[in-house]
């Protein structure tokens, strides 16, 4: 048992992590191709683009939020979540340190305890930067704060103890945190973060199955002879037999892995977990297992310290969010995001950082496109793709659009965040979707970086906004690549053609314009401020 937990378990985690990255990249590549292929398809006999968008909706509750209150919530929301996770991370560290002290029969000297808590609390930095680190300065501040706290505790401990050195402290920290941190960075790289935790879960179970098959076959000489006999009968050599055992074990356990993913997807659809909680649970459980592996030398049962610490993290986080939710009565605000699809990574970066804030005050709606397809994929959408059922999520006309509208998720998750509702549209349906979503939204953000005369889709969207949405609810983001002369020409032409009942006919309303010059999005606070004023004016 000791060999299994100290040798095979780390091996399983290592192999699963290394496999999860290329598998995630491959699946997301196929997913993006499937989305793009369906987007270019014209489905159904109805021209959805000419369908009536329906009557304007009643003003939503978000219209009652004052701009300053909304902006404060936008700025503080992610950091309130980070604070909850910080407390939960400290609960994890306390349980882990308690297990270490008991397993090793160490005296709970205060400085020793503080140093170990600071060491095992390292995942708090990763968590806080994932949850709230939307600008480089904030991420640097989180890292610096942790480094100062750890450095101060270490310095005091070194001065107070004649046997404790800085080298020992550094070695303990590196052994405890570097391997799982590297693994987390691999699986949660931005390009694969949307599905990385799901794929890692499956790969851990499948690799464990392969390992179990090899162990079972090699544990008994008679069983091993049977395997060899079957392999020879099938015409397999030694390498073929080895590969066959690995494949059989992986497939058998893979069934359990698939059922686990289905269970996770069902819990997500039931709003028992969120996309963020899936990611963070993967981080903390992974660290818990790695942190506890060394305790097995004191007895196999001590491996349970890691899961116990993870449970402490989950219970504390859930309690913290329940308390925070009862204190948050801000009405929800809907945000529609439109953009130039060709932006690629630039568009993805702004969308990710913007929605990190906005999802604390309301839901986000967008037309699914190739630029964000792999970053906004939800667990149940990904599982539909694997099942070959992604096409059923595409809108081909008014009937399917009405059904999709009824399925929109506008309620908070347990962690206080709202969800992203992405609308998959066949080529003949997206105009209808844009028109209706624009009328339903409290605020609209249009990312016009790279906008030019070649972007006919954005021209239609701007024309629609001028016709159906009060322009003070619209925020336009530009940069040096925006053809601003053509932008003004497009808006003026839209004004000239707007309908008699357009809300912009009675007043000289104008959208807010936010130019972005910093590629690292240092002007993100300006975007949040403009969106706050836009949504509050609805």
Protein backbone atom coordinates (compact mmCIF):
# COMPACT_ATOMS: atom_id res chain seq x y z
CA UNK A 1 0.00 0.00 0.00
CA UNK A 2 2.83 2.40 0.86
CA UNK A 3 4.45 1.76 -2.53
CA UNK A 4 1.13 2.34 -4.26
CA UNK A 5 0.53 5.70 -2.60
CA UNK A 6 4.08 7.08 -2.70
CA UNK A 7 5.13 5.70 -6.08
CA UNK A 8 2.19 4.85 -8.27
CA UNK A 9 -0.09 7.71 -7.23
CA UNK A 10 2.40 10.47 -8.13
CA UNK A 11 3.13 8.59 -11.37
CA UNK A 12 -0.59 8.48 -12.22
CA UNK A 13 -0.98 12.21 -11.54
CA UNK A 14 2.10 13.03 -13.62
CA UNK A 15 1.09 10.95 -16.62
CA UNK A 16 -2.53 12.15 -16.47
CA UNK A 17 -1.40 15.78 -16.38
CA UNK A 18 0.97 15.35 -19.32
CA UNK A 19 -1.76 13.61 -21.34
CA UNK A 20 -4.48 16.10 -20.39
CA UNK A 21 -2.84 19.03 -22.20
CA UNK A 22 -2.60 17.55 -25.74
CA UNK A 23 -5.96 15.82 -25.35
CA UNK A 24 -7.59 19.10 -24.28
CA UNK A 25 -5.98 20.99 -27.17
CA UNK A 26 -7.12 18.35 -29.64
CA UNK A 27 -10.69 18.25 -28.38
CA UNK A 28 -10.99 22.04 -28.32
CA UNK A 29 -9.63 22.21 -31.87
CA UNK A 30 -12.30 19.76 -33.01
CA UNK A 31 -14.95 21.64 -31.00
CA UNK A 32 -14.02 24.95 -32.63
CA UNK A 33 -14.14 23.37 -36.09
CA UNK A 34 -17.59 21.96 -35.37
CA UNK A 35 -18.85 25.38 -34.22
CA UNK A 36 -17.41 27.18 -37.26
CA UNK A 37 -18.81 24.57 -39.66
CA UNK A 38 -22.30 24.88 -38.17
CA UNK A 39 -22.15 28.68 -38.12
CA UNK A 40 -21.61 28.70 -41.87
CA UNK A 41 -24.59 26.43 -42.44
CA UNK A 42 -28.01 27.71 -43.47
CA UNK A 43 -30.55 25.44 -41.82
CA UNK A 44 -34.31 25.31 -42.14
CA UNK A 45 -36.64 26.86 -44.68
CA UNK A 46 -37.34 30.00 -42.66
CA UNK A 47 -35.24 33.09 -43.21
CA UNK A 48 -34.71 33.91 -39.56
CA UNK A 49 -32.93 37.11 -40.47
CA UNK A 50 -36.16 38.75 -41.58
CA UNK A 51 -38.25 37.62 -38.61
CA UNK A 52 -39.62 40.21 -36.26
CA UNK A 53 -37.56 40.54 -33.07
CA UNK A 54 -40.72 40.87 -31.00
CA UNK A 55 -41.91 43.68 -28.73
CA UNK A 56 -39.47 45.48 -26.45
CA UNK A 57 -39.24 43.77 -23.04
CA UNK A 58 -40.26 45.41 -19.81
CA UNK A 59 -37.36 47.20 -18.10
CA UNK A 60 -35.31 44.72 -16.09
CA UNK A 61 -34.47 45.07 -12.41
CA UNK A 62 -30.95 46.12 -13.33
CA UNK A 63 -32.28 49.51 -14.47
CA UNK A 64 -32.70 50.52 -10.83
CA UNK A 65 -29.01 50.26 -10.01
CA UNK A 66 -27.25 53.58 -9.70
CA UNK A 67 -24.04 53.87 -11.69
CA UNK A 68 -21.78 54.35 -8.67
CA UNK A 69 -23.29 51.39 -6.83
CA UNK A 70 -22.98 49.21 -9.90
CA UNK A 71 -19.39 50.25 -10.54
CA UNK A 72 -18.46 49.53 -6.92
CA UNK A 73 -19.99 46.07 -7.23
CA UNK A 74 -18.13 45.47 -10.50
CA UNK A 75 -14.79 46.40 -8.99
CA UNK A 76 -15.24 44.69 -5.62
CA UNK A 77 -17.10 41.55 -6.70
CA UNK A 78 -14.06 39.51 -7.75
CA UNK A 79 -12.11 40.59 -4.67
CA UNK A 80 -14.95 39.64 -2.35
CA UNK A 81 -14.85 36.19 -3.94
CA UNK A 82 -11.07 36.12 -3.56
CA UNK A 83 -11.47 36.97 0.13
CA UNK A 84 -13.86 34.04 0.61
CA UNK A 85 -11.44 31.71 -1.13
CA UNK A 86 -8.57 33.07 0.97
CA UNK A 87 -10.36 32.14 4.18
CA UNK A 88 -11.23 28.75 2.68
CA UNK A 89 -7.59 28.28 1.67
CA UNK A 90 -6.45 29.00 5.21
CA UNK A 91 -8.92 26.37 6.46
CA UNK A 92 -7.31 23.94 4.01
CA UNK A 93 -3.83 24.84 5.28
CA UNK A 94 -4.84 24.44 8.94
CA UNK A 95 -6.22 20.94 8.32
CA UNK A 96 -3.17 19.97 6.28
CA UNK A 97 -0.74 21.23 8.94
CA UNK A 98 -2.71 19.45 11.66
CA UNK A 99 -2.38 16.19 9.72
CA UNK A 100 1.36 16.73 9.22
CA UNK A 101 1.95 17.44 12.91
CA UNK A 102 -0.05 14.42 14.02
CA UNK A 103 1.44 12.06 11.44
CA UNK A 104 5.04 13.09 12.18
CA UNK A 105 4.40 13.49 15.92
CA UNK A 106 5.80 17.02 15.87
CA UNK A 107 5.32 19.52 18.63
CA UNK A 108 3.00 22.36 17.52
CA UNK A 109 5.52 25.16 18.02
CA UNK A 110 3.75 28.42 16.99
CA UNK A 111 6.40 29.57 14.50
CA UNK A 112 6.62 26.12 12.96
CA UNK A 113 2.85 26.04 12.59
CA UNK A 114 2.75 29.52 11.04
CA UNK A 115 5.49 28.67 8.54
CA UNK A 116 3.76 25.45 7.50
CA UNK A 117 0.39 27.19 7.17
CA UNK A 118 2.01 29.85 4.98
CA UNK A 119 3.61 27.15 2.84
CA UNK A 120 0.44 25.10 2.36
CA UNK A 121 -1.57 28.27 1.71
CA UNK A 122 0.31 28.91 -1.55
CA UNK A 123 -2.66 27.86 -3.76
CA UNK A 124 -4.44 30.96 -2.42
CA UNK A 125 -2.19 33.02 -4.73
CA UNK A 126 -3.15 30.95 -7.77
CA UNK A 127 -6.82 31.12 -6.78
CA UNK A 128 -6.91 34.87 -6.11
CA UNK A 129 -5.23 35.66 -9.41
CA UNK A 130 -7.63 33.39 -11.31
CA UNK A 131 -10.65 34.88 -9.56
CA UNK A 132 -9.73 38.57 -9.43
CA UNK A 133 -6.38 39.24 -11.09
CA UNK A 134 -7.66 40.99 -14.19
CA UNK A 135 -4.81 43.52 -14.45
CA UNK A 136 -1.06 42.88 -14.08
CA UNK A 137 -0.74 45.24 -11.12
CA UNK A 138 -3.34 43.29 -9.14
CA UNK A 139 -1.69 39.94 -9.84
CA UNK A 140 1.69 41.32 -8.83
CA UNK A 141 0.21 42.71 -5.60
CA UNK A 142 -1.24 39.30 -4.66
CA UNK A 143 2.09 37.58 -5.26
CA UNK A 144 4.02 40.27 -3.40
CA UNK A 145 1.65 40.10 -0.43
CA UNK A 146 2.11 36.35 -0.12
CA UNK A 147 5.89 36.63 -0.52
CA UNK A 148 6.08 39.28 2.21
CA UNK A 149 3.97 37.22 4.61
CA UNK A 150 5.97 34.04 3.96
CA UNK A 151 9.25 35.93 4.17
CA UNK A 152 8.34 37.57 7.47
CA UNK A 153 7.30 34.27 9.07
CA UNK A 154 10.42 32.54 7.74
CA UNK A 155 12.73 35.30 8.99
CA UNK A 156 11.27 35.22 12.49
CA UNK A 157 11.43 31.41 12.57
CA UNK A 158 15.08 31.38 11.44
CA UNK A 159 16.04 33.94 14.09
CA UNK A 160 14.14 32.10 16.83
CA UNK A 161 15.42 28.59 16.02
CA UNK A 162 19.11 27.67 16.02
CA UNK A 163 18.45 24.61 13.82
CA UNK A 164 16.13 26.12 11.22
CA UNK A 165 17.74 27.78 8.17
CA UNK A 166 16.57 29.71 5.15
CA UNK A 167 17.78 26.87 2.91
CA UNK A 168 15.60 24.38 4.80
CA UNK A 169 12.60 26.68 4.50
CA UNK A 170 13.14 27.16 0.76
CA UNK A 171 13.59 23.42 0.17
CA UNK A 172 10.42 22.57 2.11
CA UNK A 173 8.42 25.15 0.14
CA UNK A 174 9.80 24.06 -3.23
CA UNK A 175 9.10 20.36 -2.63
CA UNK A 176 5.58 21.07 -1.39
CA UNK A 177 4.49 23.54 -4.06
CA UNK A 178 6.53 23.52 -7.27
CA UNK A 179 5.40 20.12 -8.69
CA UNK A 180 1.64 20.73 -8.24
CA UNK A 181 2.00 24.34 -9.41
CA UNK A 182 3.64 23.25 -12.66
CA UNK A 183 0.91 20.63 -13.15
CA UNK A 184 -1.82 23.21 -12.53
CA UNK A 185 -0.25 25.64 -14.99
CA UNK A 186 -0.20 22.91 -17.63
CA UNK A 187 -3.83 21.90 -17.21
CA UNK A 188 -5.20 25.40 -16.59
CA UNK A 189 -3.36 27.26 -19.33
CA UNK A 190 -5.76 29.80 -20.82
CA UNK A 191 -6.05 27.90 -24.10
CA UNK A 192 -7.43 24.78 -22.37
CA UNK A 193 -8.83 26.11 -19.10
CA UNK A 194 -12.45 25.69 -20.16
CA UNK A 195 -12.13 21.89 -20.38
CA UNK A 196 -8.78 21.16 -18.73
CA UNK A 197 -10.22 20.13 -15.32
CA UNK A 198 -12.76 17.81 -16.98
CA UNK A 199 -10.14 16.18 -19.19
CA UNK A 200 -7.74 15.83 -16.25
CA UNK A 201 -10.46 14.10 -14.20
CA UNK A 202 -11.05 11.61 -17.00
CA UNK A 203 -7.33 11.05 -17.61
CA UNK A 204 -6.56 10.42 -13.92
CA UNK A 205 -9.23 7.72 -13.81
CA UNK A 206 -8.17 6.18 -17.14
CA UNK A 207 -4.45 6.17 -16.25
CA UNK A 208 -5.29 4.69 -12.85
CA UNK A 209 -7.16 1.92 -14.69
CA UNK A 210 -4.15 1.16 -16.86
CA UNK A 211 -1.96 1.08 -13.78
CA UNK A 212 -4.37 -1.23 -11.96
CA UNK A 213 -4.48 -3.63 -14.93
CA UNK A 214 -0.69 -3.92 -14.96
CA UNK A 215 -0.55 -4.36 -11.19
CA UNK A 216 -3.26 -7.03 -11.13
CA UNK A 217 -1.65 -9.00 -13.98
CA UNK A 218 1.80 -8.87 -12.39
CA UNK A 219 0.73 -9.61 -8.83
CA UNK A 220 0.13 -13.31 -9.44
CA UNK A 221 2.35 -15.64 -11.48
CA UNK A 222 -0.57 -17.84 -12.58
CA UNK A 223 -2.58 -14.82 -13.74
CA UNK A 224 0.45 -13.53 -15.62
CA UNK A 225 0.83 -16.89 -17.42
CA UNK A 226 -2.84 -16.68 -18.47
CA UNK A 227 -2.27 -13.20 -19.90
CA UNK A 228 0.78 -14.42 -21.82
CA UNK A 229 -1.18 -17.41 -23.16
CA UNK A 230 -4.01 -15.18 -24.37
CA UNK A 231 -1.53 -12.77 -25.90
CA UNK A 232 0.30 -15.52 -27.81
CA UNK A 233 -3.01 -16.90 -29.04
CA UNK A 234 -3.82 -13.44 -30.41
CA UNK A 235 -0.42 -13.22 -32.08
CA UNK A 236 0.90 -10.49 -29.81
CA UNK A 237 4.45 -10.02 -28.70
CA UNK A 238 5.58 -8.70 -25.32
CA UNK A 239 5.01 -5.09 -26.35
CA UNK A 240 1.57 -5.87 -27.73
CA UNK A 241 0.57 -7.64 -24.51
CA UNK A 242 1.73 -4.68 -22.45
CA UNK A 243 -0.18 -2.25 -24.66
CA UNK A 244 -3.25 -4.48 -24.54
CA UNK A 245 -3.26 -4.57 -20.74
CA UNK A 246 -2.88 -0.81 -20.58
CA UNK A 247 -5.69 -0.31 -23.09
CA UNK A 248 -8.06 -2.73 -21.33
CA UNK A 249 -7.50 -1.09 -17.95
CA UNK A 250 -7.85 2.41 -19.38
CA UNK A 251 -11.07 1.55 -21.22
CA UNK A 252 -12.67 -0.19 -18.24
CA UNK A 253 -11.88 2.65 -15.87
CA UNK A 254 -12.60 5.16 -18.63
CA UNK A 255 -16.25 4.16 -18.44
CA UNK A 256 -16.19 5.27 -14.82
CA UNK A 257 -14.40 8.45 -15.87
CA UNK A 258 -17.08 9.21 -18.45
CA UNK A 259 -19.83 8.65 -15.88
CA UNK A 260 -17.98 11.01 -13.55
CA UNK A 261 -17.95 13.70 -16.26
CA UNK A 262 -21.65 13.15 -16.87
CA UNK A 263 -22.25 13.59 -13.14
CA UNK A 264 -20.25 16.84 -13.13
CA UNK A 265 -22.20 18.08 -16.17
CA UNK A 266 -25.51 17.27 -14.50
CA UNK A 267 -24.52 19.09 -11.31
CA UNK A 268 -23.51 22.09 -13.43
CA UNK A 269 -26.88 22.17 -15.19
CA UNK A 270 -28.61 21.88 -11.80
CA UNK A 271 -26.53 24.90 -10.60
CA UNK A 272 -25.00 22.89 -7.78
CA UNK A 273 -21.55 23.83 -9.08
CA UNK A 274 -20.21 26.54 -11.39
CA UNK A 275 -17.53 26.64 -14.06
CA UNK A 276 -15.24 28.47 -11.63
CA UNK A 277 -15.83 26.01 -8.80
CA UNK A 278 -14.92 23.12 -11.13
CA UNK A 279 -11.60 24.79 -11.91
CA UNK A 280 -10.80 25.72 -8.31
CA UNK A 281 -11.84 22.34 -6.95
CA UNK A 282 -9.41 20.73 -9.38
CA UNK A 283 -6.61 22.99 -8.12
CA UNK A 284 -7.20 22.41 -4.41
CA UNK A 285 -7.85 18.67 -4.65
CA UNK A 286 -4.71 18.23 -6.76
CA UNK A 287 -2.64 20.15 -4.21
CA UNK A 288 -4.25 18.20 -1.38
CA UNK A 289 -3.25 14.85 -2.86
CA UNK A 290 0.31 15.98 -3.61
CA UNK A 291 0.74 17.59 -0.19
CA UNK A 292 -0.43 14.41 1.54
CA UNK A 293 1.64 11.87 -0.43
CA UNK A 294 4.68 12.28 1.82
CA UNK A 295 2.60 11.50 4.91
CA UNK A 296 2.04 7.95 3.71
CA UNK A 297 5.44 6.98 5.13
CA UNK A 298 3.88 7.53 8.56
CA UNK A 299 0.96 5.24 7.64
CA UNK A 300 -1.25 4.76 4.55
CA UNK A 301 -4.31 6.31 6.23
CA UNK A 302 -2.57 9.70 6.40
CA UNK A 303 -3.16 10.11 2.63
CA UNK A 304 -6.70 11.06 3.67
CA UNK A 305 -5.30 14.31 5.09
CA UNK A 306 -5.35 15.81 1.59
CA UNK A 307 -9.02 15.03 0.85
CA UNK A 308 -9.93 16.16 4.38
CA UNK A 309 -8.18 19.50 3.79
CA UNK A 310 -9.99 19.83 0.46
CA UNK A 311 -13.34 19.21 2.18
CA UNK A 312 -12.48 21.95 4.68
CA UNK A 313 -11.79 24.28 1.76
CA UNK A 314 -15.11 23.43 0.07
CA UNK A 315 -17.22 23.71 3.22
CA UNK A 316 -15.63 27.02 4.22
CA UNK A 317 -16.02 28.47 0.71
CA UNK A 318 -19.64 27.40 0.47
CA UNK A 319 -20.41 28.91 3.87
CA UNK A 320 -18.63 32.12 2.96
CA UNK A 321 -20.53 32.54 -0.30
CA UNK A 322 -23.83 31.80 1.41
CA UNK A 323 -23.14 34.64 3.87
CA UNK A 324 -21.95 36.97 1.09
CA UNK A 325 -25.02 36.21 -1.01
CA UNK A 326 -27.38 37.14 1.80
CA UNK A 327 -25.63 40.51 2.00
CA UNK A 328 -25.84 41.25 -1.75
CA UNK A 329 -29.19 42.63 -2.90
CA UNK A 330 -28.01 44.38 -6.07
CA UNK A 331 -30.46 43.73 -8.95
CA UNK A 332 -29.07 41.69 -11.84
CA UNK A 333 -27.99 43.47 -15.03
CA UNK A 334 -27.78 41.82 -18.43
CA UNK A 335 -24.81 42.56 -20.68
CA UNK A 336 -24.68 41.85 -24.41
CA UNK A 337 -21.19 41.54 -25.90
CA UNK A 338 -20.70 42.06 -29.65
CA UNK A 339 -17.31 42.06 -31.33
CA UNK A 340 -15.20 41.62 -34.43
CA UNK A 341 -14.64 37.85 -34.63
CA UNK A 342 -11.23 38.26 -36.25
CA UNK A 343 -9.71 39.72 -33.06
CA UNK A 344 -8.61 36.32 -31.82
CA UNK A 345 -6.52 36.43 -28.66
CA UNK A 346 -7.03 40.17 -28.16
CA UNK A 347 -10.79 39.76 -28.08
CA UNK A 348 -10.56 36.70 -25.87
CA UNK A 349 -8.36 38.55 -23.36
CA UNK A 350 -10.73 41.52 -23.02
CA UNK A 351 -13.79 39.26 -22.82
CA UNK A 352 -12.26 37.08 -20.11
CA UNK A 353 -11.21 40.01 -17.92
CA UNK A 354 -14.39 41.98 -18.46
CA UNK A 355 -16.66 39.06 -17.62
CA UNK A 356 -14.58 38.26 -14.53
CA UNK A 357 -16.05 41.48 -13.13
CA UNK A 358 -19.45 41.63 -14.82
CA UNK A 359 -20.52 38.14 -13.78
CA UNK A 360 -20.72 39.37 -10.20
CA UNK A 361 -23.55 41.77 -11.15
CA UNK A 362 -25.38 39.99 -13.96
CA UNK A 363 -25.39 37.54 -16.85
CA UNK A 364 -23.51 37.93 -20.12
CA UNK A 365 -25.05 37.18 -23.51
CA UNK A 366 -23.16 36.77 -26.78
CA UNK A 367 -23.34 35.20 -30.22
CA UNK A 368 -21.02 32.20 -30.20
CA UNK A 369 -18.17 32.59 -32.67
CA UNK A 370 -14.83 31.03 -33.55
CA UNK A 371 -12.93 33.58 -31.46
CA UNK A 372 -14.51 32.67 -28.10
CA UNK A 373 -15.85 29.19 -28.85
CA UNK A 374 -13.17 27.39 -26.85
CA UNK A 375 -13.10 29.81 -23.90
CA UNK A 376 -16.84 30.03 -23.18
CA UNK A 377 -17.67 26.34 -23.65
CA UNK A 378 -19.71 25.06 -20.70
CA UNK A 379 -19.45 21.50 -19.30
CA UNK A 380 -22.78 20.33 -20.71
CA UNK A 381 -22.02 21.89 -24.12
CA UNK A 382 -18.67 20.13 -24.21
CA UNK A 383 -20.27 16.80 -23.31
CA UNK A 384 -22.89 17.36 -26.04
CA UNK A 385 -20.05 17.86 -28.51
CA UNK A 386 -18.34 14.63 -27.41
CA UNK A 387 -21.70 12.86 -27.80
CA UNK A 388 -22.08 14.32 -31.31
CA UNK A 389 -25.11 16.38 -30.28
CA UNK A 390 -23.70 19.91 -30.52
CA UNK A 391 -25.91 20.75 -33.53
CA UNK A 392 -29.03 20.61 -31.37
CA UNK A 393 -27.87 23.77 -29.60
CA UNK A 394 -27.87 25.80 -32.83
CA UNK A 395 -30.67 28.26 -33.59
CA UNK A 396 -32.21 27.97 -37.06
CA UNK A 397 -35.28 30.18 -36.72
CA UNK A 398 -37.75 31.91 -34.38
CA UNK A 399 -39.06 28.68 -32.82
CA UNK A 400 -35.67 27.39 -31.69
CA UNK A 401 -34.68 30.91 -30.64
CA UNK A 402 -37.72 31.21 -28.38
CA UNK A 403 -36.84 27.86 -26.85
CA UNK A 404 -33.26 28.98 -26.29
CA UNK A 405 -34.48 32.23 -24.71
CA UNK A 406 -36.60 30.22 -22.29
CA UNK A 407 -33.51 28.18 -21.37
CA UNK A 408 -31.36 31.21 -20.58
CA UNK A 409 -29.73 31.00 -17.16
CA UNK A 410 -30.16 34.36 -15.44
CA UNK A 411 -29.80 33.26 -11.81
CA UNK A 412 -26.72 33.37 -9.62
CA UNK A 413 -24.63 30.31 -8.99
CA UNK A 414 -23.77 29.36 -5.43
CA UNK A 415 -20.51 31.30 -5.66
CA UNK A 416 -22.45 34.50 -6.38
CA UNK A 417 -21.55 34.69 -10.08
CA UNK A 418 -23.91 34.72 -13.04
CA UNK A 419 -23.38 32.67 -16.16
CA UNK A 420 -22.50 33.35 -19.77
CA UNK A 421 -25.31 32.54 -22.22
CA UNK A 422 -23.78 31.92 -25.62
CA UNK A 423 -26.15 31.58 -28.57
CA UNK A 424 -25.07 29.20 -31.33
CA UNK A 425 -26.57 30.39 -34.61
CA UNK A 426 -26.79 29.01 -38.12
CA UNK A 427 -25.92 31.59 -40.76
CA UNK A 428 -29.56 32.53 -41.38
CA UNK A 429 -30.44 33.12 -37.72
CA UNK A 430 -27.91 35.41 -36.04
CA UNK A 431 -29.57 38.69 -37.11
CA UNK A 432 -32.76 37.79 -35.29
CA UNK A 433 -30.77 36.84 -32.18
CA UNK A 434 -28.79 40.11 -32.16
CA UNK A 435 -31.95 42.20 -32.49
CA UNK A 436 -33.76 40.54 -29.61
CA UNK A 437 -30.79 40.30 -27.25
CA UNK A 438 -30.01 43.97 -27.83
CA UNK A 439 -33.53 44.95 -26.76
CA UNK A 440 -33.35 42.71 -23.68
CA UNK A 441 -29.99 43.94 -22.39
CA UNK A 442 -29.27 46.60 -19.79
CA UNK A 443 -25.91 47.33 -21.37
CA UNK A 444 -24.17 46.53 -24.65
CA UNK A 445 -20.42 46.35 -25.21
CA UNK A 446 -19.16 46.40 -28.81
CA UNK A 447 -15.47 45.55 -29.26
CA UNK A 448 -14.59 47.46 -32.43
CA UNK A 449 -10.87 46.86 -32.46
CA UNK A 450 -9.98 45.86 -36.01
CA UNK A 451 -13.29 47.23 -37.36
CA UNK A 452 -13.22 48.15 -41.05
CA UNK A 453 -15.41 48.11 -44.17
CA UNK A 454 -14.87 44.36 -44.42
CA UNK A 455 -16.92 43.67 -41.25
CA UNK A 456 -20.46 43.54 -42.63
CA UNK A 457 -21.71 41.71 -39.54
CA UNK A 458 -20.65 44.51 -37.21
CA UNK A 459 -22.22 47.08 -39.56
CA UNK A 460 -25.55 45.26 -39.19
CA UNK A 461 -25.14 45.10 -35.41
CA UNK A 462 -24.37 48.82 -35.10
CA UNK A 463 -27.36 49.63 -37.34
CA UNK A 464 -29.57 47.45 -35.15
CA UNK A 465 -28.33 49.11 -31.95
CA UNK A 466 -29.08 52.58 -33.30
CA UNK A 467 -32.58 51.43 -34.23
CA UNK A 468 -33.65 49.56 -31.08
CA UNK A 469 -31.39 50.50 -28.13
CA UNK A 470 -30.97 53.91 -26.46
CA UNK A 471 -27.37 54.69 -27.34
CA UNK A 472 -26.41 55.75 -23.83
CA UNK A 473 -26.67 52.05 -22.98
CA UNK A 474 -23.97 51.21 -25.54
CA UNK A 475 -20.19 51.23 -24.96
CA UNK A 476 -17.85 51.08 -27.96
CA UNK A 477 -14.26 49.90 -27.45
CA UNK A 478 -11.71 50.97 -30.06
CA UNK A 479 -7.97 51.09 -30.60
CA UNK A 480 -5.51 52.17 -33.29
CA UNK A 481 -6.77 49.41 -35.61
CA UNK A 482 -10.34 50.78 -35.65
CA UNK A 483 -11.43 52.65 -38.78
CA UNK A 484 -13.03 55.49 -36.81
CA UNK A 485 -14.05 57.46 -39.88
CA UNK A 486 -16.00 54.47 -41.18
CA UNK A 487 -17.42 53.93 -37.68
CA UNK A 488 -18.86 57.44 -37.58
CA UNK A 489 -20.13 57.04 -41.13
CA UNK A 490 -21.87 53.78 -40.16
CA UNK A 491 -23.57 55.37 -37.15
CA UNK A 492 -24.72 58.39 -39.15
CA UNK A 493 -26.17 56.18 -41.88
CA UNK A 494 -27.93 54.10 -39.23
CA UNK A 495 -29.44 57.27 -37.74
CA UNK A 496 -30.71 58.28 -41.16
CA UNK A 497 -32.44 54.92 -41.64
CA UNK A 498 -33.76 54.28 -38.12
CA UNK A 499 -37.45 53.57 -37.70
CA UNK A 500 -39.96 56.15 -36.50
CA UNK A 501 -40.27 54.41 -33.10
CA UNK A 502 -36.51 54.22 -32.49
CA UNK A 503 -35.59 55.44 -28.98
CA UNK A 504 -32.77 57.47 -30.53
CA UNK A 505 -35.05 59.59 -32.74
CA UNK A 506 -36.34 61.77 -29.92
CA UNK A 507 -32.96 62.78 -28.49
CA UNK A 508 -29.34 63.22 -29.55
CA UNK A 509 -28.13 60.12 -27.77
CA UNK A 510 -24.56 58.92 -28.19
CA UNK A 511 -22.70 55.75 -27.19
CA UNK A 512 -19.74 55.90 -24.81
CA UNK A 513 -16.38 55.51 -26.55
CA UNK A 514 -13.44 53.91 -24.70
CA UNK A 515 -10.12 53.76 -26.60
CA UNK A 516 -7.71 51.02 -25.50
CA UNK A 517 -4.02 51.71 -25.95
CA UNK A 518 -2.48 49.26 -23.46
CA UNK A 519 -2.22 45.72 -24.85
CA UNK A 520 -2.26 44.42 -21.26
CA UNK A 521 -5.65 46.15 -20.77
CA UNK A 522 -4.59 48.61 -18.11
CA UNK A 523 -7.65 50.70 -19.15
CA UNK A 524 -10.05 47.97 -18.04
CA UNK A 525 -11.31 50.15 -15.14
CA UNK A 526 -12.41 52.75 -17.72
CA UNK A 527 -14.43 50.11 -19.54
CA UNK A 528 -16.08 49.02 -16.28
CA UNK A 529 -16.92 52.61 -15.42
CA UNK A 530 -18.47 53.24 -18.85
CA UNK A 531 -20.51 50.04 -18.62
CA UNK A 532 -21.75 51.00 -15.17
CA UNK A 533 -23.12 54.28 -16.48
CA UNK A 534 -24.59 52.54 -19.52
CA UNK A 535 -26.43 49.86 -17.54
CA UNK A 536 -27.63 52.34 -14.91
CA UNK A 537 -29.21 54.49 -17.64
CA UNK A 538 -31.38 51.66 -18.94
